[in-house]
């Protein structure tokens, strides 16, 4: 059984999901990849997720709706949203609901490393 922190990545865009997975692994973190909010919620991996990176705009359930559902289930993994459509309202709602950050696409690898460090390296 792996006790290392696991970063769950949820993005409907396969290329973006794989690229984020490669980036997070290059920083030395373990990942799990999911193609939709529904897939993640049904995976059984919610409790073992140390940090969540999610796209906002996805078919079906959005990343923000998924985050709301996770909170309703009693979980609160540090969450980093990524989006090509960052608006002030989206950022305000996500941060007010406990998200760690909202990053705009194309995502800056240094920003991802920074926020993962905050999410996972808290003493």
N, C-alpha and C. Protein backbone atom coordinates (compact mmCIF):
# COMPACT_ATOMS: atom_id res chain seq x y z
N UNK A 1 0.84 -1.18 0.00
CA UNK A 1 0.00 0.00 0.00
C UNK A 1 0.89 1.25 0.00
N UNK A 2 0.56 2.18 -0.85
CA UNK A 2 1.36 3.38 -1.01
C UNK A 2 0.87 4.46 -0.04
N UNK A 3 1.78 4.97 0.79
CA UNK A 3 1.38 6.01 1.74
C UNK A 3 1.75 7.40 1.23
N UNK A 4 2.38 7.48 0.06
CA UNK A 4 2.75 8.78 -0.50
C UNK A 4 1.49 9.52 -0.92
N UNK A 5 1.52 10.85 -0.83
CA UNK A 5 0.37 11.64 -1.27
C UNK A 5 0.04 11.37 -2.74
N UNK A 6 -1.25 11.32 -3.04
CA UNK A 6 -1.72 11.07 -4.40
C UNK A 6 -2.48 12.30 -4.90
N UNK A 7 -2.11 12.74 -6.09
CA UNK A 7 -2.79 13.85 -6.74
C UNK A 7 -3.76 13.26 -7.77
N UNK A 8 -5.05 13.51 -7.58
CA UNK A 8 -6.04 13.07 -8.56
C UNK A 8 -6.26 14.21 -9.55
N UNK A 9 -6.21 13.87 -10.84
CA UNK A 9 -6.36 14.85 -11.91
C UNK A 9 -7.61 14.51 -12.70
N UNK A 10 -8.52 15.47 -12.81
CA UNK A 10 -9.79 15.27 -13.50
C UNK A 10 -9.86 16.27 -14.65
N UNK A 11 -9.88 15.77 -15.89
CA UNK A 11 -9.98 16.64 -17.06
C UNK A 11 -10.53 15.81 -18.22
N UNK A 12 -11.54 16.34 -18.89
CA UNK A 12 -12.14 15.60 -20.00
C UNK A 12 -11.27 15.63 -21.25
N UNK A 13 -10.34 16.55 -21.35
CA UNK A 13 -9.44 16.65 -22.49
C UNK A 13 -8.26 15.71 -22.25
N UNK A 14 -8.20 14.64 -23.02
CA UNK A 14 -7.19 13.61 -22.78
C UNK A 14 -5.77 14.17 -22.84
N UNK A 15 -5.48 15.00 -23.84
CA UNK A 15 -4.14 15.55 -23.97
C UNK A 15 -3.78 16.41 -22.75
N UNK A 16 -4.72 17.23 -22.30
CA UNK A 16 -4.48 18.08 -21.13
C UNK A 16 -4.30 17.23 -19.87
N UNK A 17 -5.12 16.18 -19.75
CA UNK A 17 -5.06 15.28 -18.58
C UNK A 17 -3.71 14.57 -18.53
N UNK A 18 -3.27 14.05 -19.67
CA UNK A 18 -1.99 13.34 -19.72
C UNK A 18 -0.82 14.30 -19.47
N UNK A 19 -0.91 15.50 -20.05
CA UNK A 19 0.16 16.49 -19.84
C UNK A 19 0.26 16.89 -18.37
N UNK A 20 -0.89 17.10 -17.73
CA UNK A 20 -0.87 17.47 -16.31
C UNK A 20 -0.33 16.30 -15.49
N UNK A 21 -0.72 15.09 -15.83
CA UNK A 21 -0.20 13.92 -15.13
C UNK A 21 1.31 13.83 -15.25
N UNK A 22 1.83 14.06 -16.46
CA UNK A 22 3.28 14.03 -16.67
C UNK A 22 3.97 15.13 -15.87
N UNK A 23 3.37 16.32 -15.85
CA UNK A 23 3.95 17.44 -15.11
C UNK A 23 4.02 17.12 -13.61
N UNK A 24 2.90 16.64 -13.07
CA UNK A 24 2.84 16.34 -11.64
C UNK A 24 3.82 15.21 -11.28
N UNK A 25 3.91 14.20 -12.13
CA UNK A 25 4.87 13.12 -11.88
C UNK A 25 6.31 13.64 -11.98
N UNK A 26 6.57 14.59 -12.88
CA UNK A 26 7.92 15.13 -13.01
C UNK A 26 8.35 15.91 -11.77
N UNK A 27 7.36 16.35 -10.99
CA UNK A 27 7.63 17.05 -9.72
C UNK A 27 7.83 16.03 -8.60
N UNK A 28 7.62 14.75 -8.92
CA UNK A 28 7.85 13.70 -7.94
C UNK A 28 6.61 13.27 -7.18
N UNK A 29 5.44 13.54 -7.74
CA UNK A 29 4.18 13.19 -7.07
C UNK A 29 3.50 12.02 -7.78
N UNK A 30 2.77 11.23 -7.01
CA UNK A 30 1.97 10.14 -7.56
C UNK A 30 0.65 10.71 -8.06
N UNK A 31 0.15 10.13 -9.17
CA UNK A 31 -1.09 10.65 -9.76
C UNK A 31 -2.09 9.53 -10.04
N UNK A 32 -3.34 9.95 -10.13
CA UNK A 32 -4.42 9.14 -10.70
C UNK A 32 -5.15 10.06 -11.66
N UNK A 33 -5.50 9.55 -12.83
CA UNK A 33 -6.14 10.36 -13.86
C UNK A 33 -7.57 9.91 -14.10
N UNK A 34 -8.46 10.90 -14.27
CA UNK A 34 -9.88 10.64 -14.49
C UNK A 34 -10.39 11.53 -15.61
N UNK A 35 -11.25 10.96 -16.47
CA UNK A 35 -11.75 11.68 -17.64
C UNK A 35 -12.99 12.52 -17.35
N UNK A 36 -13.58 12.37 -16.17
CA UNK A 36 -14.78 13.14 -15.84
C UNK A 36 -14.96 13.21 -14.33
N UNK A 37 -15.77 14.18 -13.93
CA UNK A 37 -16.10 14.32 -12.51
C UNK A 37 -16.81 13.06 -12.02
N UNK A 38 -17.71 12.56 -12.84
CA UNK A 38 -18.46 11.37 -12.45
C UNK A 38 -17.53 10.17 -12.27
N UNK A 39 -16.56 10.02 -13.17
CA UNK A 39 -15.61 8.90 -13.06
C UNK A 39 -14.83 9.00 -11.75
N UNK A 40 -14.38 10.20 -11.41
CA UNK A 40 -13.64 10.39 -10.16
C UNK A 40 -14.53 10.07 -8.96
N UNK A 41 -15.74 10.62 -8.93
CA UNK A 41 -16.61 10.41 -7.77
C UNK A 41 -16.99 8.94 -7.58
N UNK A 42 -17.05 8.18 -8.67
CA UNK A 42 -17.43 6.77 -8.59
C UNK A 42 -16.23 5.84 -8.44
N UNK A 43 -15.01 6.40 -8.43
CA UNK A 43 -13.79 5.58 -8.45
C UNK A 43 -13.44 4.92 -7.13
N UNK A 44 -13.95 5.47 -6.03
CA UNK A 44 -13.54 4.96 -4.73
C UNK A 44 -12.22 5.55 -4.24
N UNK A 45 -11.67 6.51 -4.97
CA UNK A 45 -10.38 7.09 -4.61
C UNK A 45 -10.49 8.46 -3.93
N UNK A 46 -11.69 8.89 -3.64
CA UNK A 46 -11.86 10.21 -3.04
C UNK A 46 -11.12 10.32 -1.70
N UNK A 47 -11.29 9.34 -0.84
CA UNK A 47 -10.69 9.40 0.50
C UNK A 47 -9.16 9.36 0.45
N UNK A 48 -8.58 8.76 -0.58
CA UNK A 48 -7.12 8.66 -0.67
C UNK A 48 -6.49 9.77 -1.51
N UNK A 49 -7.31 10.74 -1.93
CA UNK A 49 -6.79 11.86 -2.71
C UNK A 49 -6.23 12.92 -1.77
N UNK A 50 -4.94 13.19 -1.92
CA UNK A 50 -4.28 14.20 -1.09
C UNK A 50 -4.43 15.60 -1.66
N UNK A 51 -4.58 15.68 -2.98
CA UNK A 51 -4.79 16.95 -3.66
C UNK A 51 -5.56 16.64 -4.95
N UNK A 52 -6.44 17.54 -5.33
CA UNK A 52 -7.25 17.38 -6.53
C UNK A 52 -6.93 18.52 -7.48
N UNK A 53 -6.63 18.16 -8.74
CA UNK A 53 -6.49 19.15 -9.81
C UNK A 53 -7.60 18.85 -10.80
N UNK A 54 -8.45 19.84 -11.05
CA UNK A 54 -9.60 19.60 -11.91
C UNK A 54 -9.82 20.74 -12.90
N UNK A 55 -10.16 20.34 -14.12
CA UNK A 55 -10.66 21.30 -15.09
C UNK A 55 -12.00 21.80 -14.58
N UNK A 56 -12.39 22.99 -15.01
CA UNK A 56 -13.68 23.53 -14.59
C UNK A 56 -14.77 23.11 -15.58
N UNK A 57 -14.56 23.40 -16.84
CA UNK A 57 -15.58 23.15 -17.87
C UNK A 57 -15.44 21.74 -18.42
N UNK A 58 -16.40 20.87 -18.05
CA UNK A 58 -16.41 19.50 -18.55
C UNK A 58 -17.85 19.13 -18.87
N UNK A 59 -18.05 18.22 -19.83
CA UNK A 59 -19.41 17.74 -20.10
C UNK A 59 -19.97 17.07 -18.85
N UNK A 60 -21.26 17.16 -18.67
CA UNK A 60 -21.86 16.59 -17.47
C UNK A 60 -21.59 17.51 -16.30
N UNK A 61 -21.00 16.97 -15.26
CA UNK A 61 -20.74 17.74 -14.05
C UNK A 61 -19.47 18.57 -14.21
N UNK A 62 -19.57 19.85 -13.87
CA UNK A 62 -18.39 20.72 -13.94
C UNK A 62 -17.46 20.43 -12.76
N UNK A 63 -16.25 20.95 -12.85
CA UNK A 63 -15.32 20.79 -11.75
C UNK A 63 -15.81 21.44 -10.48
N UNK A 64 -16.45 22.61 -10.60
CA UNK A 64 -16.98 23.31 -9.42
C UNK A 64 -18.13 22.51 -8.81
N UNK A 65 -19.00 21.96 -9.64
CA UNK A 65 -20.09 21.12 -9.11
C UNK A 65 -19.52 19.88 -8.42
N UNK A 66 -18.48 19.29 -9.00
CA UNK A 66 -17.85 18.13 -8.38
C UNK A 66 -17.27 18.51 -7.02
N UNK A 67 -16.62 19.65 -6.95
CA UNK A 67 -16.04 20.12 -5.69
C UNK A 67 -17.13 20.30 -4.64
N UNK A 68 -18.26 20.89 -5.03
CA UNK A 68 -19.39 21.04 -4.12
C UNK A 68 -19.87 19.68 -3.62
N UNK A 69 -19.93 18.70 -4.50
CA UNK A 69 -20.37 17.35 -4.13
C UNK A 69 -19.38 16.71 -3.15
N UNK A 70 -18.08 16.89 -3.42
CA UNK A 70 -17.04 16.34 -2.54
C UNK A 70 -17.19 16.91 -1.13
N UNK A 71 -17.40 18.21 -1.04
CA UNK A 71 -17.59 18.86 0.26
C UNK A 71 -18.84 18.32 0.95
N UNK A 72 -19.91 18.15 0.19
CA UNK A 72 -21.16 17.62 0.75
C UNK A 72 -20.96 16.20 1.28
N UNK A 73 -20.02 15.45 0.69
CA UNK A 73 -19.73 14.09 1.15
C UNK A 73 -18.81 14.07 2.36
N UNK A 74 -18.34 15.25 2.77
CA UNK A 74 -17.52 15.33 3.97
C UNK A 74 -16.02 15.32 3.73
N UNK A 75 -15.60 15.51 2.50
CA UNK A 75 -14.19 15.53 2.17
C UNK A 75 -13.78 16.95 1.78
N UNK A 76 -12.52 17.26 1.96
CA UNK A 76 -12.03 18.59 1.58
C UNK A 76 -10.58 18.53 1.14
N UNK A 77 -10.29 17.76 0.07
CA UNK A 77 -8.89 17.75 -0.40
C UNK A 77 -8.52 19.12 -0.95
N UNK A 78 -7.29 19.57 -0.74
CA UNK A 78 -6.88 20.82 -1.38
C UNK A 78 -7.14 20.69 -2.88
N UNK A 79 -7.79 21.70 -3.45
CA UNK A 79 -8.22 21.61 -4.84
C UNK A 79 -7.67 22.77 -5.65
N UNK A 80 -7.09 22.43 -6.79
CA UNK A 80 -6.59 23.41 -7.75
C UNK A 80 -7.43 23.27 -9.01
N UNK A 81 -8.11 24.35 -9.38
CA UNK A 81 -8.88 24.33 -10.62
C UNK A 81 -8.03 24.89 -11.75
N UNK A 82 -8.22 24.33 -12.94
CA UNK A 82 -7.61 24.86 -14.14
C UNK A 82 -8.71 25.16 -15.14
N UNK A 83 -8.58 26.28 -15.85
CA UNK A 83 -9.62 26.66 -16.79
C UNK A 83 -9.09 27.59 -17.86
N UNK A 84 -9.68 27.50 -19.02
CA UNK A 84 -9.38 28.45 -20.09
C UNK A 84 -10.32 29.65 -20.00
N UNK A 85 -11.30 29.57 -19.13
CA UNK A 85 -12.34 30.60 -19.04
C UNK A 85 -12.43 31.17 -17.64
N UNK A 86 -11.31 31.67 -17.12
CA UNK A 86 -11.29 32.22 -15.77
C UNK A 86 -12.01 33.57 -15.75
N UNK A 87 -13.04 33.65 -14.93
CA UNK A 87 -13.74 34.92 -14.72
C UNK A 87 -13.61 35.27 -13.25
N UNK A 88 -13.84 36.53 -12.95
CA UNK A 88 -13.78 36.96 -11.55
C UNK A 88 -14.81 36.20 -10.72
N UNK A 89 -16.00 35.98 -11.28
CA UNK A 89 -17.05 35.26 -10.54
C UNK A 89 -16.66 33.82 -10.27
N UNK A 90 -16.09 33.17 -11.28
CA UNK A 90 -15.65 31.78 -11.10
C UNK A 90 -14.58 31.70 -10.02
N UNK A 91 -13.58 32.55 -10.10
CA UNK A 91 -12.51 32.54 -9.11
C UNK A 91 -13.07 32.80 -7.71
N UNK A 92 -13.95 33.78 -7.59
CA UNK A 92 -14.53 34.11 -6.29
C UNK A 92 -15.31 32.94 -5.72
N UNK A 93 -16.15 32.30 -6.55
CA UNK A 93 -16.96 31.17 -6.07
C UNK A 93 -16.07 30.00 -5.66
N UNK A 94 -15.10 29.67 -6.51
CA UNK A 94 -14.22 28.53 -6.21
C UNK A 94 -13.43 28.76 -4.93
N UNK A 95 -12.86 29.94 -4.80
CA UNK A 95 -12.05 30.23 -3.61
C UNK A 95 -12.92 30.32 -2.36
N UNK A 96 -14.12 30.87 -2.49
CA UNK A 96 -15.04 30.96 -1.34
C UNK A 96 -15.46 29.57 -0.87
N UNK A 97 -15.51 28.61 -1.80
CA UNK A 97 -15.90 27.24 -1.45
C UNK A 97 -14.71 26.39 -1.03
N UNK A 98 -13.55 27.02 -0.86
CA UNK A 98 -12.42 26.28 -0.31
C UNK A 98 -11.36 25.84 -1.29
N UNK A 99 -11.49 26.19 -2.57
CA UNK A 99 -10.44 25.83 -3.52
C UNK A 99 -9.15 26.55 -3.15
N UNK A 100 -8.05 25.90 -3.43
CA UNK A 100 -6.75 26.46 -3.13
C UNK A 100 -6.37 27.53 -4.16
N UNK A 101 -6.64 27.23 -5.44
CA UNK A 101 -6.25 28.15 -6.51
C UNK A 101 -7.07 27.89 -7.76
N UNK A 102 -7.15 28.90 -8.61
CA UNK A 102 -7.74 28.79 -9.94
C UNK A 102 -6.67 29.26 -10.92
N UNK A 103 -6.15 28.32 -11.72
CA UNK A 103 -5.08 28.62 -12.67
C UNK A 103 -5.64 28.66 -14.08
N UNK A 104 -5.14 29.60 -14.86
CA UNK A 104 -5.60 29.74 -16.23
C UNK A 104 -4.75 28.91 -17.18
N UNK A 105 -5.43 28.34 -18.19
CA UNK A 105 -4.73 27.61 -19.26
C UNK A 105 -4.20 28.63 -20.24
N UNK A 106 -3.05 28.43 -20.85
CA UNK A 106 -2.15 27.31 -20.56
C UNK A 106 -1.54 27.47 -19.17
N UNK A 107 -1.46 26.36 -18.47
CA UNK A 107 -1.02 26.38 -17.07
C UNK A 107 0.50 26.53 -17.00
N UNK A 108 0.93 27.39 -16.12
CA UNK A 108 2.35 27.60 -15.85
C UNK A 108 2.84 26.47 -14.95
N UNK A 109 3.80 25.66 -15.42
CA UNK A 109 4.30 24.55 -14.59
C UNK A 109 4.81 25.00 -13.22
N UNK A 110 5.42 26.18 -13.15
CA UNK A 110 5.92 26.67 -11.87
C UNK A 110 4.76 26.97 -10.91
N UNK A 111 3.65 27.44 -11.45
CA UNK A 111 2.48 27.70 -10.61
C UNK A 111 1.91 26.40 -10.06
N UNK A 112 1.87 25.36 -10.90
CA UNK A 112 1.39 24.05 -10.44
C UNK A 112 2.30 23.54 -9.33
N UNK A 113 3.61 23.62 -9.53
CA UNK A 113 4.57 23.15 -8.52
C UNK A 113 4.39 23.94 -7.22
N UNK A 114 4.20 25.24 -7.34
CA UNK A 114 4.00 26.09 -6.16
C UNK A 114 2.77 25.65 -5.36
N UNK A 115 1.64 25.53 -6.03
CA UNK A 115 0.40 25.17 -5.33
C UNK A 115 0.41 23.75 -4.81
N UNK A 116 1.06 22.82 -5.54
CA UNK A 116 1.19 21.46 -5.02
C UNK A 116 2.04 21.44 -3.76
N UNK A 117 3.08 22.25 -3.74
CA UNK A 117 3.92 22.33 -2.56
C UNK A 117 3.10 22.83 -1.36
N UNK A 118 2.29 23.83 -1.58
CA UNK A 118 1.43 24.35 -0.50
C UNK A 118 0.43 23.27 -0.06
N UNK A 119 -0.15 22.58 -1.02
CA UNK A 119 -1.19 21.58 -0.70
C UNK A 119 -0.62 20.36 0.02
N UNK A 120 0.58 19.93 -0.37
CA UNK A 120 1.08 18.63 0.10
C UNK A 120 2.22 18.71 1.11
N UNK A 121 2.88 19.83 1.20
CA UNK A 121 4.04 19.90 2.07
C UNK A 121 3.78 20.67 3.36
N UNK A 122 2.52 20.79 3.72
CA UNK A 122 2.18 21.48 4.95
C UNK A 122 2.59 20.61 6.13
N UNK A 123 3.36 21.16 7.07
CA UNK A 123 3.81 20.33 8.19
C UNK A 123 2.67 19.89 9.09
